[in-house]
Amino acid sequence: MDSSPLKELFRLDSELPMTEASLSNFDARSTDLSIVAAPPRILIVEDDEDIARLIAMHLEDLNAELIHSIRGDHALALARDETWNLIVLDLRLPGIGGLDICRRLREHGSITPILMLTAKSSELDRVLGLELGADD
């Protein structure tokens, strides 16, 4: 899996070119650490531990904070209550299924990117996921 598109998505502010405006606001003597960009936060919603470990292994290069949830109802609460840069979402979950989680998040106004993972391979399943608000 080539993680370069993900790396581009989660590029830290410190990796962006500095403009004159940003340089004029920078004080090298400042000790305010609140301006340091936080690592990206990724919620992995997967009930199969082996698959969750594999996903996490591929995302380690991002130096992201990875949080894993195995239940759909727990993941929905986490997704609503906290800020995430990405949600990796399985479809078949105990509690609430991934399609329902996606639909509820989008109805709630969430714009967090959602990447759905599933063993389902039919075009209808893929279209349904995208129509409910998944990004890929």
Protein backbone atom coordinates (compact mmCIF):
# COMPACT_ATOMS: atom_id res chain seq x y z
CA MET A 1 0.00 0.00 0.00
CA ASP A 2 1.47 3.32 -1.05
CA SER A 3 0.91 5.77 1.79
CA SER A 4 2.09 8.85 -0.14
CA PRO A 5 -1.48 10.14 -0.75
CA LEU A 6 -2.18 9.77 2.97
CA LYS A 7 1.08 11.50 3.83
CA GLU A 8 0.04 14.38 1.58
CA LEU A 9 -3.36 14.51 3.31
CA PHE A 10 -1.76 14.62 6.74
CA ARG A 11 1.15 16.92 5.95
CA LEU A 12 2.04 18.89 9.06
CA ASP A 13 2.04 22.70 8.95
CA SER A 14 5.79 22.63 9.58
CA GLU A 15 6.25 20.87 6.22
CA LEU A 16 4.44 23.61 4.31
CA PRO A 17 6.48 26.42 2.77
CA MET A 18 6.61 29.51 4.95
CA THR A 19 5.22 32.69 3.41
CA GLU A 20 6.25 36.23 4.28
CA ALA A 21 3.03 36.64 6.28
CA SER A 22 3.71 33.55 8.34
CA LEU A 23 7.33 34.59 8.86
CA SER A 24 6.27 38.03 10.09
CA ASN A 25 4.09 36.38 12.75
CA PHE A 26 6.86 34.02 13.90
CA ASP A 27 8.85 34.93 16.99
CA ALA A 28 11.83 32.62 17.44
CA ARG A 29 11.97 33.51 21.13
CA SER A 30 8.40 32.37 21.70
CA THR A 31 7.99 29.42 24.02
CA ASP A 32 4.30 29.04 23.22
CA LEU A 33 4.03 25.39 22.20
CA SER A 34 0.38 25.75 21.23
CA ILE A 35 1.47 26.73 17.71
CA VAL A 36 3.09 23.33 17.14
CA ALA A 37 0.91 21.22 14.87
CA ALA A 38 -0.61 18.21 16.58
CA PRO A 39 -0.19 14.80 14.98
CA PRO A 40 -3.17 13.63 12.93
CA ARG A 41 -5.79 11.61 14.81
CA ILE A 42 -7.16 8.52 13.11
CA LEU A 43 -10.03 6.42 14.38
CA ILE A 44 -9.80 2.79 13.24
CA VAL A 45 -13.15 1.01 13.57
CA GLU A 46 -12.54 -2.68 13.01
CA ASP A 47 -13.69 -5.69 15.03
CA ASP A 48 -11.02 -8.06 13.67
CA GLU A 49 -7.86 -7.49 15.74
CA ASP A 50 -5.52 -8.81 13.01
CA ILE A 51 -6.96 -6.47 10.39
CA ALA A 52 -6.84 -3.54 12.84
CA ARG A 53 -3.14 -4.25 13.53
CA LEU A 54 -2.44 -4.39 9.80
CA ILE A 55 -4.18 -1.04 9.23
CA ALA A 56 -2.26 0.50 12.11
CA MET A 57 1.03 -0.86 10.75
CA HIS A 58 0.39 0.87 7.42
CA LEU A 59 -0.49 4.17 9.13
CA GLU A 60 2.51 4.24 11.49
CA ASP A 61 4.57 6.27 9.01
CA LEU A 62 2.20 9.18 9.52
CA ASN A 63 3.20 9.51 13.19
CA ALA A 64 -0.51 9.72 13.85
CA GLU A 65 -2.42 9.11 17.04
CA LEU A 66 -4.29 5.89 16.28
CA ILE A 67 -7.36 4.97 18.30
CA HIS A 68 -9.00 1.58 17.77
CA SER A 69 -12.63 0.70 18.43
CA ILE A 70 -14.19 -2.72 17.91
CA ARG A 71 -17.85 -1.78 18.46
CA GLY A 72 -19.94 0.40 16.18
CA ASP A 73 -21.87 2.11 18.98
CA HIS A 74 -18.65 3.00 20.81
CA ALA A 75 -17.06 4.24 17.57
CA LEU A 76 -20.06 6.45 16.78
CA ALA A 77 -19.79 8.12 20.20
CA LEU A 78 -16.03 8.63 19.74
CA ALA A 79 -16.52 10.02 16.24
CA ARG A 80 -19.15 12.50 17.42
CA ASP A 81 -17.43 13.59 20.63
CA GLU A 82 -13.85 14.02 19.43
CA THR A 83 -11.99 15.56 16.50
CA TRP A 84 -10.51 13.21 13.90
CA ASN A 85 -8.49 13.70 10.74
CA LEU A 86 -9.65 10.36 9.32
CA ILE A 87 -12.00 7.52 10.18
CA VAL A 88 -11.19 4.06 8.80
CA LEU A 89 -14.48 2.21 9.06
CA ASP A 90 -15.36 -1.46 8.66
CA LEU A 91 -18.92 -2.21 7.56
CA ARG A 92 -19.71 -5.29 9.64
CA LEU A 93 -19.44 -4.38 13.30
CA PRO A 94 -21.09 -5.37 16.55
CA GLY A 95 -23.50 -2.76 17.84
CA ILE A 96 -24.05 -0.46 14.86
CA GLY A 97 -22.87 -1.25 11.32
CA GLY A 98 -20.45 0.94 9.41
CA LEU A 99 -23.03 2.18 6.93
CA ASP A 100 -25.24 3.42 9.77
CA ILE A 101 -22.25 5.08 11.45
CA CYS A 102 -21.36 6.87 8.22
CA ARG A 103 -24.95 7.99 7.62
CA ARG A 104 -25.39 9.26 11.18
CA LEU A 105 -22.09 11.16 11.13
CA ARG A 106 -22.98 12.89 7.88
CA GLU A 107 -26.49 13.71 9.15
CA HIS A 108 -24.84 15.16 12.26
CA GLY A 109 -22.75 17.45 10.00
CA SER A 110 -19.40 15.69 10.28
CA ILE A 111 -16.99 16.42 7.41
CA THR A 112 -14.27 14.07 8.66
CA PRO A 113 -12.97 11.92 5.78
CA ILE A 114 -14.28 8.35 6.03
CA LEU A 115 -12.51 5.43 4.38
CA MET A 116 -14.69 2.31 4.38
CA LEU A 117 -13.18 -1.16 4.44
CA THR A 118 -15.27 -4.18 3.63
CA ALA A 119 -15.17 -7.72 2.35
CA LYS A 120 -18.22 -6.87 0.26
CA SER A 121 -17.15 -6.34 -3.30
CA SER A 122 -20.29 -5.65 -5.29
CA GLU A 123 -20.62 -2.35 -7.07
CA LEU A 124 -23.96 -1.77 -5.31
CA ASP A 125 -22.25 -1.97 -1.88
CA ARG A 126 -19.59 0.52 -2.96
CA VAL A 127 -22.13 2.94 -4.41
CA LEU A 128 -24.28 2.71 -1.28
CA GLY A 129 -21.30 3.53 0.94
CA LEU A 130 -20.39 6.55 -1.19
CA GLU A 131 -23.98 7.75 -1.28
CA LEU A 132 -24.15 7.59 2.51
CA GLY A 133 -21.13 9.88 2.74
CA ALA A 134 -18.00 7.74 2.64
CA ASP A 135 -15.08 9.40 0.88
CA ASP A 136 -13.59 6.18 -0.47
